[in-house]
PDB file of N, CA and C in Angstrom:
ATOM      1  N   UNK A   1      75.773 115.631 110.423  1.00  0.00           N
ATOM      2  CA  UNK A   1      74.518 116.541 109.728  1.00  0.00           C
ATOM      3  C   UNK A   1      74.682 117.396 110.787  1.00  0.00           C
ATOM      4  N   UNK A   2      74.099 118.965 109.893  1.00  0.00           N
ATOM      5  CA  UNK A   2      74.807 120.149 110.149  1.00  0.00           C
ATOM      6  C   UNK A   2      72.911 121.272 110.681  1.00  0.00           C
ATOM      7  N   UNK A   3      73.649 122.198 111.008  1.00  0.00           N
ATOM      8  CA  UNK A   3      72.207 123.255 111.564  1.00  0.00           C
ATOM      9  C   UNK A   3      70.741 123.460 110.566  1.00  0.00           C
ATOM     10  N   UNK A   4      71.559 123.249 109.533  1.00  0.00           N
ATOM     11  CA  UNK A   4      70.572 123.793 108.632  1.00  0.00           C
ATOM     12  C   UNK A   4      69.707 122.089 107.674  1.00  0.00           C
ATOM     13  N   UNK A   5      70.247 121.632 108.085  1.00  0.00           N
ATOM     14  CA  UNK A   5      69.217 120.131 107.741  1.00  0.00           C
ATOM     15  C   UNK A   5      69.496 119.805 106.199  1.00  0.00           C
ATOM     16  N   UNK A   6      69.011 118.519 105.679  1.00  0.00           N
ATOM     17  CA  UNK A   6      69.503 118.308 104.357  1.00  0.00           C
ATOM     18  C   UNK A   6      68.782 119.006 103.607  1.00  0.00           C
ATOM     19  N   UNK A   7      69.335 118.812 102.333  1.00  0.00           N
ATOM     20  CA  UNK A   7      68.895 119.738 101.355  1.00  0.00           C
ATOM     21  C   UNK A   7      67.440 119.527 101.195  1.00  0.00           C
ATOM     22  N   UNK A   8      66.459 120.150 100.995  1.00  0.00           N
ATOM     23  CA  UNK A   8      64.803 120.189 100.392  1.00  0.00           C
ATOM     24  C   UNK A   8      64.520 120.278 101.919  1.00  0.00           C
ATOM     25  N   UNK A   9      65.369 120.172 103.274  1.00  0.00           N
ATOM     26  CA  UNK A   9      64.367 120.306 104.197  1.00  0.00           C
ATOM     27  C   UNK A   9      63.724 121.579 105.213  1.00  0.00           C
ATOM     28  N   UNK A  10      62.829 121.157 105.964  1.00  0.00           N
ATOM     29  CA  UNK A  10      62.659 122.311 105.967  1.00  0.00           C
ATOM     30  C   UNK A  10      62.954 122.722 107.089  1.00  0.00           C
ATOM     31  N   UNK A  11      63.460 124.697 107.100  1.00  0.00           N
ATOM     32  CA  UNK A  11      64.075 125.392 108.427  1.00  0.00           C
ATOM     33  C   UNK A  11      63.171 124.938 109.674  1.00  0.00           C
ATOM     34  N   UNK A  12      61.996 124.722 109.949  1.00  0.00           N
ATOM     35  CA  UNK A  12      61.339 124.581 111.328  1.00  0.00           C
ATOM     36  C   UNK A  12      61.711 123.457 111.529  1.00  0.00           C
ATOM     37  N   UNK A  13      61.951 122.132 110.750  1.00  0.00           N
ATOM     38  CA  UNK A  13      62.596 120.865 111.788  1.00  0.00           C
ATOM     39  C   UNK A  13      64.287 120.973 112.287  1.00  0.00           C
ATOM     40  N   UNK A  14      65.043 121.707 112.172  1.00  0.00           N
ATOM     41  CA  UNK A  14      65.860 121.901 112.235  1.00  0.00           C
ATOM     42  C   UNK A  14      66.142 123.263 113.580  1.00  0.00           C
ATOM     43  N   UNK A  15      65.606 124.483 113.238  1.00  0.00           N
ATOM     44  CA  UNK A  15      65.617 125.143 113.800  1.00  0.00           C
ATOM     45  C   UNK A  15      64.971 125.346 114.879  1.00  0.00           C
ATOM     46  N   UNK A  16      65.096 126.249 115.804  1.00  0.00           N
ATOM     47  CA  UNK A  16      64.635 126.393 117.016  1.00  0.00           C
ATOM     48  C   UNK A  16      63.735 128.059 116.457  1.00  0.00           C
ATOM     49  N   UNK A  17      62.505 127.825 117.152  1.00  0.00           N
ATOM     50  CA  UNK A  17      61.295 128.557 117.085  1.00  0.00           C
ATOM     51  C   UNK A  17      61.549 130.335 117.518  1.00  0.00           C
ATOM     52  N   UNK A  18      61.605 130.862 117.285  1.00  0.00           N
ATOM     53  CA  UNK A  18      62.625 132.494 117.438  1.00  0.00           C
ATOM     54  C   UNK A  18      61.004 133.685 117.724  1.00  0.00           C
ATOM     55  N   UNK A  19      59.854 133.592 118.202  1.00  0.00           N
ATOM     56  CA  UNK A  19      58.697 134.209 118.981  1.00  0.00           C
ATOM     57  C   UNK A  19      59.209 135.794 117.731  1.00  0.00           C
ATOM     58  N   UNK A  20      60.356 136.375 118.450  1.00  0.00           N
ATOM     59  CA  UNK A  20      60.476 137.908 118.030  1.00  0.00           C
ATOM     60  C   UNK A  20      60.547 137.736 116.451  1.00  0.00           C
ATOM     61  N   UNK A  21      61.514 136.874 115.992  1.00  0.00           N
ATOM     62  CA  UNK A  21      61.716 136.837 114.736  1.00  0.00           C
ATOM     63  C   UNK A  21      60.960 136.869 113.501  1.00  0.00           C
ATOM     64  N   UNK A  22      59.749 136.213 114.249  1.00  0.00           N
ATOM     65  CA  UNK A  22      58.646 135.717 113.326  1.00  0.00           C
ATOM     66  C   UNK A  22      57.416 137.016 113.655  1.00  0.00           C
ATOM     67  N   UNK A  23      57.699 137.599 115.160  1.00  0.00           N
ATOM     68  CA  UNK A  23      56.589 138.507 114.995  1.00  0.00           C
ATOM     69  C   UNK A  23      57.306 139.991 114.145  1.00  0.00           C
ATOM     70  N   UNK A  24      58.954 140.234 113.881  1.00  0.00           N
ATOM     71  CA  UNK A  24      58.659 141.445 113.047  1.00  0.00           C
ATOM     72  C   UNK A  24      58.642 140.744 111.865  1.00  0.00           C
ATOM     73  N   UNK A  25      58.693 139.571 110.977  1.00  0.00           N
ATOM     74  CA  UNK A  25      58.733 138.910 109.792  1.00  0.00           C
ATOM     75  C   UNK A  25      56.877 139.403 109.826  1.00  0.00           C
ATOM     76  N   UNK A  26      56.210 139.117 110.738  1.00  0.00           N
ATOM     77  CA  UNK A  26      55.029 139.103 110.273  1.00  0.00           C
ATOM     78  C   UNK A  26      54.588 140.587 110.483  1.00  0.00           C
ATOM     79  N   UNK A  27      55.084 141.384 111.617  1.00  0.00           N
ATOM     80  CA  UNK A  27      54.878 142.885 110.854  1.00  0.00           C
ATOM     81  C   UNK A  27      55.572 143.538 109.762  1.00  0.00           C
ATOM     82  N   UNK A  28      56.496 143.083 109.136  1.00  0.00           N
ATOM     83  CA  UNK A  28      57.068 143.846 107.981  1.00  0.00           C
ATOM     84  C   UNK A  28      56.239 143.486 107.331  1.00  0.00           C
ATOM     85  N   UNK A  29      55.676 141.922 107.001  1.00  0.00           N
ATOM     86  CA  UNK A  29      54.501 141.672 105.535  1.00  0.00           C
ATOM     87  C   UNK A  29      53.423 142.691 105.900  1.00  0.00           C
ATOM     88  N   UNK A  30      52.704 142.837 106.853  1.00  0.00           N
ATOM     89  CA  UNK A  30      51.702 143.893 106.787  1.00  0.00           C
ATOM     90  C   UNK A  30      52.094 145.030 106.753  1.00  0.00           C
ATOM     91  N   UNK A  31      53.702 145.605 107.042  1.00  0.00           N
ATOM     92  CA  UNK A  31      53.467 146.789 106.798  1.00  0.00           C
ATOM     93  C   UNK A  31      53.747 146.926 105.380  1.00  0.00           C
ATOM     94  N   UNK A  32      54.497 146.319 104.486  1.00  0.00           N
ATOM     95  CA  UNK A  32      54.527 146.183 103.125  1.00  0.00           C
ATOM     96  C   UNK A  32      52.997 146.086 102.492  1.00  0.00           C
ATOM     97  N   UNK A  33      52.488 145.276 103.049  1.00  0.00           N
ATOM     98  CA  UNK A  33      50.477 145.209 102.456  1.00  0.00           C
ATOM     99  C   UNK A  33      49.717 146.736 102.615  1.00  0.00           C
ATOM    100  N   UNK A  34      50.434 147.172 103.946  1.00  0.00           N
ATOM    101  CA  UNK A  34      49.543 148.578 103.875  1.00  0.00           C
ATOM    102  C   UNK A  34      50.021 149.184 102.887  1.00  0.00           C
ATOM    103  N   UNK A  35      51.396 149.343 103.167  1.00  0.00           N
ATOM    104  CA  UNK A  35      51.816 150.194 101.718  1.00  0.00           C
ATOM    105  C   UNK A  35      51.520 150.260 100.601  1.00  0.00           C
ATOM    106  N   UNK A  36      51.075 148.957 100.365  1.00  0.00           N
ATOM    107  CA  UNK A  36      50.743 148.474  98.412  1.00  0.00           C
ATOM    108  C   UNK A  36      49.476 149.583  98.516  1.00  0.00           C
ATOM    109  N   UNK A  37      48.622 149.047 100.349  1.00  0.00           N
ATOM    110  CA  UNK A  37      46.960 149.641  99.821  1.00  0.00           C
ATOM    111  C   UNK A  37      47.121 151.328  99.637  1.00  0.00           C
ATOM    112  N   UNK A  38      47.983 151.906 100.591  1.00  0.00           N
ATOM    113  CA  UNK A  38      47.990 152.979 100.136  1.00  0.00           C
ATOM    114  C   UNK A  38      48.769 153.724  98.602  1.00  0.00           C
ATOM    115  N   UNK A  39      49.334 153.252  98.463  1.00  0.00           N
ATOM    116  CA  UNK A  39      49.930 153.429  96.981  1.00  0.00           C
ATOM    117  C   UNK A  39      48.381 152.952  95.824  1.00  0.00           C
ATOM    118  N   UNK A  40      47.715 152.392  96.263  1.00  0.00           N
ATOM    119  CA  UNK A  40      46.876 151.997  95.508  1.00  0.00           C
ATOM    120  C   UNK A  40      45.994 152.916  95.785  1.00  0.00           C
ATOM    121  N   UNK A  41      45.290 153.872  97.007  1.00  0.00           N
ATOM    122  CA  UNK A  41      45.123 154.290  96.908  1.00  0.00           C
ATOM    123  C   UNK A  41      44.989 155.670  96.231  1.00  0.00           C
ATOM    124  N   UNK A  42      46.173 155.642  96.511  1.00  0.00           N
ATOM    125  CA  UNK A  42      46.855 156.738  96.094  1.00  0.00           C
ATOM    126  C   UNK A  42      46.679 157.539  94.631  1.00  0.00           C
ATOM    127  N   UNK A  43      47.041 156.413  93.719  1.00  0.00           N
ATOM    128  CA  UNK A  43      47.068 156.329  91.968  1.00  0.00           C
ATOM    129  C   UNK A  43      45.431 156.661  92.443  1.00  0.00           C
ATOM    130  N   UNK A  44      44.134 156.406  92.726  1.00  0.00           N
ATOM    131  CA  UNK A  44      43.355 156.675  92.627  1.00  0.00           C
ATOM    132  C   UNK A  44      42.904 158.337  93.095  1.00  0.00           C
ATOM    133  N   UNK A  45      43.283 158.442  94.123  1.00  0.00           N
ATOM    134  CA  UNK A  45      43.100 159.890  94.247  1.00  0.00           C
ATOM    135  C   UNK A  45      43.778 160.889  92.974  1.00  0.00           C
ATOM    136  N   UNK A  46      45.210 160.265  92.424  1.00  0.00           N
ATOM    137  CA  UNK A  46      46.003 161.134  91.784  1.00  0.00           C
ATOM    138  C   UNK A  46      44.746 161.093  90.713  1.00  0.00           C
ATOM    139  N   UNK A  47      44.401 159.652  89.650  1.00  0.00           N
ATOM    140  CA  UNK A  47      43.296 159.833  88.459  1.00  0.00           C
ATOM    141  C   UNK A  47      42.487 160.961  89.107  1.00  0.00           C
ATOM    142  N   UNK A  48      41.715 161.151  90.000  1.00  0.00           N
ATOM    143  CA  UNK A  48      39.999 162.074  90.333  1.00  0.00           C
ATOM    144  C   UNK A  48      40.781 162.954  89.939  1.00  0.00           C
ATOM    145  N   UNK A  49      42.091 163.602  90.683  1.00  0.00           N
ATOM    146  CA  UNK A  49      42.698 164.943  90.551  1.00  0.00           C
ATOM    147  C   UNK A  49      42.725 165.297  89.487  1.00  0.00           C
ATOM    148  N   UNK A  50      42.870 164.166  88.507  1.00  0.00           N
ATOM    149  CA  UNK A  50      43.923 164.989  87.040  1.00  0.00           C
ATOM    150  C   UNK A  50      42.350 164.925  86.397  1.00  0.00           C
ATOM    151  N   UNK A  51      41.988 164.136  86.503  1.00  0.00           N
ATOM    152  CA  UNK A  51      40.064 164.383  85.675  1.00  0.00           C
ATOM    153  C   UNK A  51      39.167 165.699  86.391  1.00  0.00           C
ATOM    154  N   UNK A  52      39.556 166.021  87.826  1.00  0.00           N
ATOM    155  CA  UNK A  52      38.309 167.347  88.175  1.00  0.00           C
ATOM    156  C   UNK A  52      39.343 168.492  87.299  1.00  0.00           C
ATOM    157  N   UNK A  53      40.660 168.330  87.857  1.00  0.00           N
ATOM    158  CA  UNK A  53      41.816 169.129  87.003  1.00  0.00           C
ATOM    159  C   UNK A  53      41.726 169.323  85.186  1.00  0.00           C
ATOM    160  N   UNK A  54      40.817 168.572  84.633  1.00  0.00           N
ATOM    161  CA  UNK A  54      40.598 168.538  83.087  1.00  0.00           C
ATOM    162  C   UNK A  54      39.013 169.247  83.082  1.00  0.00           C
ATOM    163  N   UNK A  55      38.769 169.020  83.651  1.00  0.00           N
ATOM    164  CA  UNK A  55      36.860 169.710  84.265  1.00  0.00           C
ATOM    165  C   UNK A  55      37.128 171.141  84.369  1.00  0.00           C
ATOM    166  N   UNK A  56      37.945 171.262  85.031  1.00  0.00           N
ATOM    167  CA  UNK A  56      37.849 172.480  86.058  1.00  0.00           C
ATOM    168  C   UNK A  56      38.649 173.377  84.411  1.00  0.00           C
ATOM    169  N   UNK A  57      39.663 172.921  83.949  1.00  0.00           N
ATOM    170  CA  UNK A  57      40.070 173.505  82.320  1.00  0.00           C
ATOM    171  C   UNK A  57      39.172 173.456  81.298  1.00  0.00           C
ATOM    172  N   UNK A  58      38.625 172.859  81.064  1.00  0.00           N
ATOM    173  CA  UNK A  58      37.375 172.686  80.446  1.00  0.00           C
ATOM    174  C   UNK A  58      36.116 174.438  81.115  1.00  0.00           C
ATOM    175  N   UNK A  59      35.955 173.641  81.771  1.00  0.00           N
ATOM    176  CA  UNK A  59      34.760 175.392  82.273  1.00  0.00           C
ATOM    177  C   UNK A  59      35.665 176.812  82.029  1.00  0.00           C
ATOM    178  N   UNK A  60      37.153 176.945  82.775  1.00  0.00           N
ATOM    179  CA  UNK A  60      37.735 177.923  82.516  1.00  0.00           C
ATOM    180  C   UNK A  60      37.769 178.407  81.214  1.00  0.00           C
ATOM    181  N   UNK A  61      38.432 177.859  79.873  1.00  0.00           N
ATOM    182  CA  UNK A  61      38.212 177.599  78.132  1.00  0.00           C
ATOM    183  C   UNK A  61      36.447 177.527  78.024  1.00  0.00           C
ATOM    184  N   UNK A  62      35.415 177.034  78.195  1.00  0.00           N
ATOM    185  CA  UNK A  62      34.762 177.650  78.260  1.00  0.00           C
ATOM    186  C   UNK A  62      33.849 179.189  77.971  1.00  0.00           C
ATOM    187  N   UNK A  63      34.498 179.432  79.736  1.00  0.00           N
ATOM    188  CA  UNK A  63      33.616 180.612  80.356  1.00  0.00           C
ATOM    189  C   UNK A  63      34.804 182.006  79.425  1.00  0.00           C
ATOM    190  N   UNK A  64      36.204 181.607  78.800  1.00  0.00           N
ATOM    191  CA  UNK A  64      36.318 181.955  78.257  1.00  0.00           C
ATOM    192  C   UNK A  64      36.191 182.602  76.786  1.00  0.00           C
ATOM    193  N   UNK A  65      35.729 181.382  76.492  1.00  0.00           N
ATOM    194  CA  UNK A  65      34.747 181.460  74.710  1.00  0.00           C
ATOM    195  C   UNK A  65      33.601 181.848  74.911  1.00  0.00           C
ATOM    196  N   UNK A  66      33.082 182.102  75.634  1.00  0.00           N
ATOM    197  CA  UNK A  66      31.768 182.721  76.116  1.00  0.00           C
ATOM    198  C   UNK A  66      32.111 183.971  75.747  1.00  0.00           C
ATOM    199  N   UNK A  67      32.736 184.839  76.857  1.00  0.00           N
ATOM    200  CA  UNK A  67      33.598 185.952  76.780  1.00  0.00           C
ATOM    201  C   UNK A  67      33.300 187.126  75.535  1.00  0.00           C
ATOM    202  N   UNK A  68      34.847 185.977  74.819  1.00  0.00           N
ATOM    203  CA  UNK A  68      35.203 185.828  73.568  1.00  0.00           C
ATOM    204  C   UNK A  68      33.638 186.519  72.640  1.00  0.00           C
ATOM    205  N   UNK A  69      32.735 185.441  72.367  1.00  0.00           N
ATOM    206  CA  UNK A  69      31.887 185.430  71.827  1.00  0.00           C
ATOM    207  C   UNK A  69      31.052 186.894  71.677  1.00  0.00           C
ATOM    208  N   UNK A  70      30.799 187.276  73.181  1.00  0.00           N
ATOM    209  CA  UNK A  70      30.153 188.283  73.908  1.00  0.00           C
ATOM    210  C   UNK A  70      30.321 189.572  72.518  1.00  0.00           C
ATOM    211  N   UNK A  71      32.023 189.594  72.936  1.00  0.00           N
ATOM    212  CA  UNK A  71      32.736 190.661  72.903  1.00  0.00           C
ATOM    213  C   UNK A  71      33.121 191.001  71.736  1.00  0.00           C
ATOM    214  N   UNK A  72      32.776 189.841  70.415  1.00  0.00           N
ATOM    215  CA  UNK A  72      33.012 189.474  69.031  1.00  0.00           C
ATOM    216  C   UNK A  72      31.345 190.207  68.775  1.00  0.00           C
ATOM    217  N   UNK A  73      30.288 189.511  69.178  1.00  0.00           N
ATOM    218  CA  UNK A  73      29.006 189.791  68.987  1.00  0.00           C
ATOM    219  C   UNK A  73      29.102 191.542  68.978  1.00  0.00           C
ATOM    220  N   UNK A  74      29.028 191.849  70.399  1.00  0.00           N
ATOM    221  CA  UNK A  74      29.249 193.756  70.685  1.00  0.00           C
ATOM    222  C   UNK A  74      29.685 194.305  69.727  1.00  0.00           C
ATOM    223  N   UNK A  75      30.828 194.049  69.014  1.00  0.00           N
ATOM    224  CA  UNK A  75      31.888 195.178  67.705  1.00  0.00           C
ATOM    225  C   UNK A  75      31.168 194.824  66.774  1.00  0.00           C
ATOM    226  N   UNK A  76      30.773 193.361  66.620  1.00  0.00           N
ATOM    227  CA  UNK A  76      29.529 193.513  65.223  1.00  0.00           C
ATOM    228  C   UNK A  76      28.971 194.016  65.234  1.00  0.00           C
ATOM    229  N   UNK A  77      27.925 194.594  66.592  1.00  0.00           N
ATOM    230  CA  UNK A  77      26.604 194.693  66.257  1.00  0.00           C
ATOM    231  C   UNK A  77      26.816 196.548  66.376  1.00  0.00           C
ATOM    232  N   UNK A  78      28.405 197.218  66.944  1.00  0.00           N
ATOM    233  CA  UNK A  78      28.450 198.207  66.966  1.00  0.00           C
ATOM    234  C   UNK A  78      28.677 199.207  65.657  1.00  0.00           C
ATOM    235  N   UNK A  79      29.541 197.940  64.866  1.00  0.00           N
ATOM    236  CA  UNK A  79      29.964 198.472  63.240  1.00  0.00           C
ATOM    237  C   UNK A  79      28.858 197.847  62.533  1.00  0.00           C
ATOM    238  N   UNK A  80      27.472 197.147  62.771  1.00  0.00           N
ATOM    239  CA  UNK A  80      26.442 197.377  61.702  1.00  0.00           C
ATOM    240  C   UNK A  80      25.673 198.451  62.130  1.00  0.00           C
ATOM    241  N   UNK A  81      25.345 199.398  63.573  1.00  0.00           N
ATOM    242  CA  UNK A  81      25.192 200.844  63.714  1.00  0.00           C
ATOM    243  C   UNK A  81      25.204 201.851  62.740  1.00  0.00           C
ATOM    244  N   UNK A  82      26.505 201.715  63.075  1.00  0.00           N
ATOM    245  CA  UNK A  82      27.328 202.829  62.525  1.00  0.00           C
ATOM    246  C   UNK A  82      26.722 202.854  60.628  1.00  0.00           C
TER     247      UNK A  82
END
């Protein structure tokens, strides 16, 4: 019989337990989950920033439209007074 055991058997029945390898594998799994959570949170932050940017541009265009309307009204009033 070889060290890997019969086909379909558990590796834990034939291999000795190595706590350092298990600790490293657990650390890798935890690190992967942390990166996944970080990516998830960054996705939400990016979406919020995009919404904020749209709102700011809408406000800028609103102020510009208001100023243009005020300028047009001043031009019309000046033309009517003459």
